[in-house]
């Protein structure tokens, strides 16, 4: 965290698969969240804006996926319970390159660029703070809706 309710996030994962056909996997990403409420202390709710970017590469040229997510959350905490809702927009760009030898005398390199797709998703969640233990549940509605549950330890 930073002053005035800001967070900067970085992620990096690299995995050597040992598979020559697939190749290694690398994920890099960055982003940030900022509390709008930090500038307006009399608001009855907490408002946060966020922006995230990441890039996934599989092999040297096999797959490259870039995502950009931006959105906002609104929440309120009363006693032991916090509730929140949010809206986010995801933009995904995907390119795939592979070699095909099906039905050809010579292997052929195939390159597919998928059209950039932007989708919206809505989130509803709640957190129960029991001292040192935090329990969280969230429903995310999008093209593929999901539930998430979490356990946190700390203040």
C-alpha atoms as a PDB file:
ATOM      1  CA  UNK A   1       0.000   0.000   0.000  1.00  0.00           C
ATOM      2  CA  UNK A   2       0.880   3.632  -0.499  1.00  0.00           C
ATOM      3  CA  UNK A   3      -0.415   6.826   1.083  1.00  0.00           C
ATOM      4  CA  UNK A   4      -4.015   7.915   0.345  1.00  0.00           C
ATOM      5  CA  UNK A   5      -5.324   4.394  -0.132  1.00  0.00           C
ATOM      6  CA  UNK A   6      -3.290   3.417  -3.192  1.00  0.00           C
ATOM      7  CA  UNK A   7      -1.852   0.018  -4.066  1.00  0.00           C
ATOM      8  CA  UNK A   8       0.650  -0.893  -6.764  1.00  0.00           C
ATOM      9  CA  UNK A   9       0.704  -4.520  -7.885  1.00  0.00           C
ATOM     10  CA  UNK A  10       3.321  -6.507  -9.807  1.00  0.00           C
ATOM     11  CA  UNK A  11       3.301 -10.177 -10.724  1.00  0.00           C
ATOM     12  CA  UNK A  12       5.805 -12.351 -12.507  1.00  0.00           C
ATOM     13  CA  UNK A  13       5.796 -16.108 -12.969  1.00  0.00           C
ATOM     14  CA  UNK A  14       8.141 -18.119 -15.184  1.00  0.00           C
ATOM     15  CA  UNK A  15       7.918 -21.899 -15.545  1.00  0.00           C
ATOM     16  CA  UNK A  16      10.279 -24.087 -17.516  1.00  0.00           C
ATOM     17  CA  UNK A  17       7.997 -26.902 -18.683  1.00  0.00           C
ATOM     18  CA  UNK A  18      10.712 -29.131 -20.122  1.00  0.00           C
ATOM     19  CA  UNK A  19       8.365 -29.769 -23.067  1.00  0.00           C
ATOM     20  CA  UNK A  20       9.859 -28.782 -26.441  1.00  0.00           C
ATOM     21  CA  UNK A  21       6.458 -28.668 -28.165  1.00  0.00           C
ATOM     22  CA  UNK A  22       4.817 -26.322 -25.671  1.00  0.00           C
ATOM     23  CA  UNK A  23       7.835 -24.397 -24.440  1.00  0.00           C
ATOM     24  CA  UNK A  24       8.188 -22.321 -21.315  1.00  0.00           C
ATOM     25  CA  UNK A  25       5.394 -20.287 -19.722  1.00  0.00           C
ATOM     26  CA  UNK A  26       5.817 -16.676 -18.599  1.00  0.00           C
ATOM     27  CA  UNK A  27       3.295 -14.319 -16.996  1.00  0.00           C
ATOM     28  CA  UNK A  28       4.010 -10.680 -16.227  1.00  0.00           C
ATOM     29  CA  UNK A  29       1.540  -8.111 -14.983  1.00  0.00           C
ATOM     30  CA  UNK A  30       1.145  -4.828 -13.198  1.00  0.00           C
ATOM     31  CA  UNK A  31      -1.600  -2.551 -12.059  1.00  0.00           C
ATOM     32  CA  UNK A  32      -2.944  -0.375  -9.349  1.00  0.00           C
ATOM     33  CA  UNK A  33      -5.923   0.448  -7.170  1.00  0.00           C
ATOM     34  CA  UNK A  34      -6.758   3.837  -5.749  1.00  0.00           C
ATOM     35  CA  UNK A  35      -9.262   4.791  -3.071  1.00  0.00           C
ATOM     36  CA  UNK A  36     -11.441   7.624  -4.361  1.00  0.00           C
ATOM     37  CA  UNK A  37     -12.939   7.784  -0.859  1.00  0.00           C
ATOM     38  CA  UNK A  38      -9.575   8.867   0.570  1.00  0.00           C
ATOM     39  CA  UNK A  39     -10.225  12.273  -1.040  1.00  0.00           C
ATOM     40  CA  UNK A  40     -13.869  12.462   0.108  1.00  0.00           C
ATOM     41  CA  UNK A  41     -13.976  11.349   3.762  1.00  0.00           C
ATOM     42  CA  UNK A  42     -17.685  12.173   4.243  1.00  0.00           C
ATOM     43  CA  UNK A  43     -18.932   9.598   1.721  1.00  0.00           C
ATOM     44  CA  UNK A  44     -21.109   6.865   3.281  1.00  0.00           C
ATOM     45  CA  UNK A  45     -19.383   4.192   1.115  1.00  0.00           C
ATOM     46  CA  UNK A  46     -15.851   3.349   0.050  1.00  0.00           C
ATOM     47  CA  UNK A  47     -15.121   3.778  -3.676  1.00  0.00           C
ATOM     48  CA  UNK A  48     -12.056   2.287  -5.374  1.00  0.00           C
ATOM     49  CA  UNK A  49     -10.886   2.521  -9.007  1.00  0.00           C
ATOM     50  CA  UNK A  50      -8.481   0.011 -10.537  1.00  0.00           C
ATOM     51  CA  UNK A  51      -6.434  -0.661 -13.659  1.00  0.00           C
ATOM     52  CA  UNK A  52      -4.577  -3.948 -14.345  1.00  0.00           C
ATOM     53  CA  UNK A  53      -2.486  -5.227 -17.277  1.00  0.00           C
ATOM     54  CA  UNK A  54      -0.917  -8.629 -17.862  1.00  0.00           C
ATOM     55  CA  UNK A  55       0.728 -10.656 -20.599  1.00  0.00           C
ATOM     56  CA  UNK A  56       0.899 -14.457 -20.837  1.00  0.00           C
ATOM     57  CA  UNK A  57       3.400 -16.127 -23.180  1.00  0.00           C
ATOM     58  CA  UNK A  58       3.591 -19.861 -23.869  1.00  0.00           C
ATOM     59  CA  UNK A  59       6.630 -20.963 -25.848  1.00  0.00           C
ATOM     60  CA  UNK A  60       8.678 -18.544 -27.942  1.00  0.00           C
ATOM     61  CA  UNK A  61       5.868 -17.831 -30.395  1.00  0.00           C
ATOM     62  CA  UNK A  62       3.115 -20.359 -29.610  1.00  0.00           C
ATOM     63  CA  UNK A  63       0.663 -18.229 -27.600  1.00  0.00           C
ATOM     64  CA  UNK A  64       0.567 -14.608 -26.513  1.00  0.00           C
ATOM     65  CA  UNK A  65      -2.391 -13.208 -24.572  1.00  0.00           C
ATOM     66  CA  UNK A  66      -2.609  -9.616 -23.334  1.00  0.00           C
ATOM     67  CA  UNK A  67      -5.345  -8.420 -21.002  1.00  0.00           C
ATOM     68  CA  UNK A  68      -6.338  -4.996 -19.748  1.00  0.00           C
ATOM     69  CA  UNK A  69      -8.892  -4.655 -16.952  1.00  0.00           C
ATOM     70  CA  UNK A  70     -10.305  -1.434 -15.545  1.00  0.00           C
ATOM     71  CA  UNK A  71     -13.205  -0.843 -13.205  1.00  0.00           C
ATOM     72  CA  UNK A  72     -14.519   0.351  -9.866  1.00  0.00           C
ATOM     73  CA  UNK A  73     -15.836  -1.078  -6.601  1.00  0.00           C
ATOM     74  CA  UNK A  74     -18.205   0.369  -4.021  1.00  0.00           C
ATOM     75  CA  UNK A  75     -18.381  -1.068  -0.524  1.00  0.00           C
ATOM     76  CA  UNK A  76     -19.367  -0.471   3.056  1.00  0.00           C
ATOM     77  CA  UNK A  77     -18.254  -2.032   6.316  1.00  0.00           C
ATOM     78  CA  UNK A  78     -20.445  -2.113   9.408  1.00  0.00           C
ATOM     79  CA  UNK A  79     -19.110  -3.932  12.441  1.00  0.00           C
ATOM     80  CA  UNK A  80     -17.902  -7.407  11.521  1.00  0.00           C
ATOM     81  CA  UNK A  81     -19.389  -7.441   7.988  1.00  0.00           C
ATOM     82  CA  UNK A  82     -18.284  -5.696   4.820  1.00  0.00           C
ATOM     83  CA  UNK A  83     -20.238  -5.831   1.556  1.00  0.00           C
ATOM     84  CA  UNK A  84     -19.173  -4.646  -1.888  1.00  0.00           C
ATOM     85  CA  UNK A  85     -20.142  -4.563  -5.524  1.00  0.00           C
ATOM     86  CA  UNK A  86     -18.149  -3.746  -8.598  1.00  0.00           C
ATOM     87  CA  UNK A  87     -18.086  -3.422 -12.342  1.00  0.00           C
ATOM     88  CA  UNK A  88     -15.058  -4.108 -14.540  1.00  0.00           C
ATOM     89  CA  UNK A  89     -14.272  -4.197 -18.232  1.00  0.00           C
ATOM     90  CA  UNK A  90     -11.821  -6.782 -19.582  1.00  0.00           C
ATOM     91  CA  UNK A  91     -10.109  -6.413 -22.931  1.00  0.00           C
ATOM     92  CA  UNK A  92      -8.316  -9.517 -24.273  1.00  0.00           C
ATOM     93  CA  UNK A  93      -5.966  -9.771 -27.263  1.00  0.00           C
ATOM     94  CA  UNK A  94      -4.849 -13.292 -28.292  1.00  0.00           C
ATOM     95  CA  UNK A  95      -2.384 -14.528 -30.941  1.00  0.00           C
ATOM     96  CA  UNK A  96      -1.466 -18.183 -31.606  1.00  0.00           C
ATOM     97  CA  UNK A  97       1.252 -19.528 -33.910  1.00  0.00           C
ATOM     98  CA  UNK A  98       1.903 -23.229 -34.512  1.00  0.00           C
ATOM     99  CA  UNK A  99       3.290 -25.604 -37.116  1.00  0.00           C
ATOM    100  CA  UNK A 100       0.900 -28.002 -38.818  1.00  0.00           C
ATOM    101  CA  UNK A 101       1.997 -31.024 -40.791  1.00  0.00           C
ATOM    102  CA  UNK A 102      -1.509 -32.445 -41.300  1.00  0.00           C
ATOM    103  CA  UNK A 103      -2.113 -33.308 -44.939  1.00  0.00           C
ATOM    104  CA  UNK A 104       0.877 -31.402 -46.276  1.00  0.00           C
ATOM    105  CA  UNK A 105       4.218 -32.499 -47.717  1.00  0.00           C
ATOM    106  CA  UNK A 106       5.928 -29.588 -45.971  1.00  0.00           C
ATOM    107  CA  UNK A 107       5.058 -28.397 -42.451  1.00  0.00           C
ATOM    108  CA  UNK A 108       3.102 -25.157 -42.570  1.00  0.00           C
ATOM    109  CA  UNK A 109       3.263 -22.380 -39.987  1.00  0.00           C
ATOM    110  CA  UNK A 110      -0.215 -21.217 -38.975  1.00  0.00           C
ATOM    111  CA  UNK A 111      -0.679 -17.815 -37.338  1.00  0.00           C
ATOM    112  CA  UNK A 112      -4.083 -16.897 -35.897  1.00  0.00           C
ATOM    113  CA  UNK A 113      -4.864 -13.439 -34.528  1.00  0.00           C
ATOM    114  CA  UNK A 114      -8.151 -13.361 -32.647  1.00  0.00           C
ATOM    115  CA  UNK A 115     -10.138 -10.134 -32.649  1.00  0.00           C
ATOM    116  CA  UNK A 116      -9.781  -8.098 -29.469  1.00  0.00           C
ATOM    117  CA  UNK A 117     -12.748  -8.819 -27.243  1.00  0.00           C
ATOM    118  CA  UNK A 118     -14.049  -6.606 -24.450  1.00  0.00           C
ATOM    119  CA  UNK A 119     -16.476  -7.954 -21.866  1.00  0.00           C
ATOM    120  CA  UNK A 120     -18.057  -6.593 -18.729  1.00  0.00           C
ATOM    121  CA  UNK A 121     -18.408  -8.376 -15.430  1.00  0.00           C
ATOM    122  CA  UNK A 122     -20.259  -7.531 -12.256  1.00  0.00           C
ATOM    123  CA  UNK A 123     -19.152  -8.608  -8.774  1.00  0.00           C
ATOM    124  CA  UNK A 124     -21.000  -8.906  -5.473  1.00  0.00           C
ATOM    125  CA  UNK A 125     -19.232  -9.982  -2.313  1.00  0.00           C
ATOM    126  CA  UNK A 126     -19.060  -9.946   1.444  1.00  0.00           C
ATOM    127  CA  UNK A 127     -16.353 -10.247   4.087  1.00  0.00           C
ATOM    128  CA  UNK A 128     -16.779 -11.415   7.669  1.00  0.00           C
ATOM    129  CA  UNK A 129     -14.017 -10.202  10.006  1.00  0.00           C
ATOM    130  CA  UNK A 130     -13.619 -12.389  13.061  1.00  0.00           C
ATOM    131  CA  UNK A 131     -10.600 -10.799  14.727  1.00  0.00           C
ATOM    132  CA  UNK A 132      -7.506 -12.252  13.088  1.00  0.00           C
ATOM    133  CA  UNK A 133      -9.568 -14.370  10.626  1.00  0.00           C
ATOM    134  CA  UNK A 134     -11.333 -12.937   7.562  1.00  0.00           C
ATOM    135  CA  UNK A 135     -13.808 -15.002   5.515  1.00  0.00           C
ATOM    136  CA  UNK A 136     -14.753 -13.794   2.037  1.00  0.00           C
ATOM    137  CA  UNK A 137     -17.288 -14.864  -0.575  1.00  0.00           C
ATOM    138  CA  UNK A 138     -17.853 -13.377  -4.024  1.00  0.00           C
ATOM    139  CA  UNK A 139     -20.118 -13.962  -7.014  1.00  0.00           C
ATOM    140  CA  UNK A 140     -18.835 -12.705 -10.368  1.00  0.00           C
ATOM    141  CA  UNK A 141     -21.322 -12.440 -13.258  1.00  0.00           C
ATOM    142  CA  UNK A 142     -19.765 -12.456 -16.746  1.00  0.00           C
ATOM    143  CA  UNK A 143     -19.711 -14.691 -19.830  1.00  0.00           C
ATOM    144  CA  UNK A 144     -18.471 -17.384 -17.445  1.00  0.00           C
ATOM    145  CA  UNK A 145     -19.975 -16.645 -14.026  1.00  0.00           C
ATOM    146  CA  UNK A 146     -18.179 -17.893 -10.925  1.00  0.00           C
ATOM    147  CA  UNK A 147     -18.105 -18.059  -7.141  1.00  0.00           C
ATOM    148  CA  UNK A 148     -14.972 -17.453  -5.079  1.00  0.00           C
ATOM    149  CA  UNK A 149     -14.340 -18.073  -1.408  1.00  0.00           C
ATOM    150  CA  UNK A 150     -11.340 -16.988   0.618  1.00  0.00           C
ATOM    151  CA  UNK A 151      -9.714 -17.084   4.000  1.00  0.00           C
ATOM    152  CA  UNK A 152      -7.442 -14.301   5.180  1.00  0.00           C
ATOM    153  CA  UNK A 153      -5.288 -14.009   8.264  1.00  0.00           C
ATOM    154  CA  UNK A 154      -4.167 -10.688   9.738  1.00  0.00           C
ATOM    155  CA  UNK A 155      -5.507  -7.257  10.543  1.00  0.00           C
END
